[in-house]
Amino acid sequence: MNNKGIWTLEEAKTGHIHSILLAQGLAKLFDKAQPVYDLGCGTGFYARYLQQAGFDVRAFEPTEGIEEIAFFSPIERLDLSEEIKPGTYPRAQILCLEVGEHIPAEYEDIVLNNLWYLSDTDAYIVLSWAVPGQGGLGHVNEKPNNYIQLKMHERNRDYCHKQSEDLRALAGKCWWFENTIMVFK
C-alpha cells in the first residue's frame, strides 16, 4: 500500500470480500433513472452486480493493473485523495465502500469533497468508514460514525437512518458493514 492508501495489485488479489446480500440491497436503494459511480471499486463486484440489475454504472479505482482480477470492465483510474474539479464528471449516485479508512487523515477532506462534487443533489451517497478499533488491512484513518455524519452534514448531505440500518442488516459475511455503512442524501 502506498502513502496515499492505494493498494498494490498483490494486496488487491487477497484483500477483497463482498456481500451478495448487500449488493441486492444497493440495487433496491439506488434509482435506476440515475447513474451510479462506484468509487474505490476494488475488483468491481458491486459495480457488476448493479450493472446486471439494469443500472448505468461507472467504476473507479486507483490500483494499477486491477483489470487483471476485476469482475467489471472498464474500471477507470481515479485517486480520491486528489481533488476532482467540479464539473469534471456528470453528477451521480455514489457508492464508496472501504475507502476512507485507507486514506491518511491529511486527505480526508479532499475525499469527502470529491464525494460531494460527484453526487447529484437528490441522490444517495452510500459510504462506509471503519470505526476506531475495528482494525483491518491498511487502515490508517478510522473514524466514528458521528464524525463522518457531521462532515457530510457540513457538505449539505443528511444521514438517512432507516436506509443505513436497512443496508447494515444485509452485511452478511462482511460483518464490519453492520457498524460502518452510512447512507446520505
Foldseek 3Di string as FASTA:
>chain_A
DDQFLADELVCLVPADDDFPLLLVLVLVQFDQVWAEEEEQCRQVPSVVSNVVVRHHYAYEHQHPPSPVRHPDPDYHYDRQLDADDQPPDAATAYEYEPDQQLGAPVSNLSNLVNNLSRHDPPHKHKYFAAAPPPDDPRGDHHHAPVVVQVSVVVSVKHWDVVSQCVSLVRCPPVPRSVRTIIMID
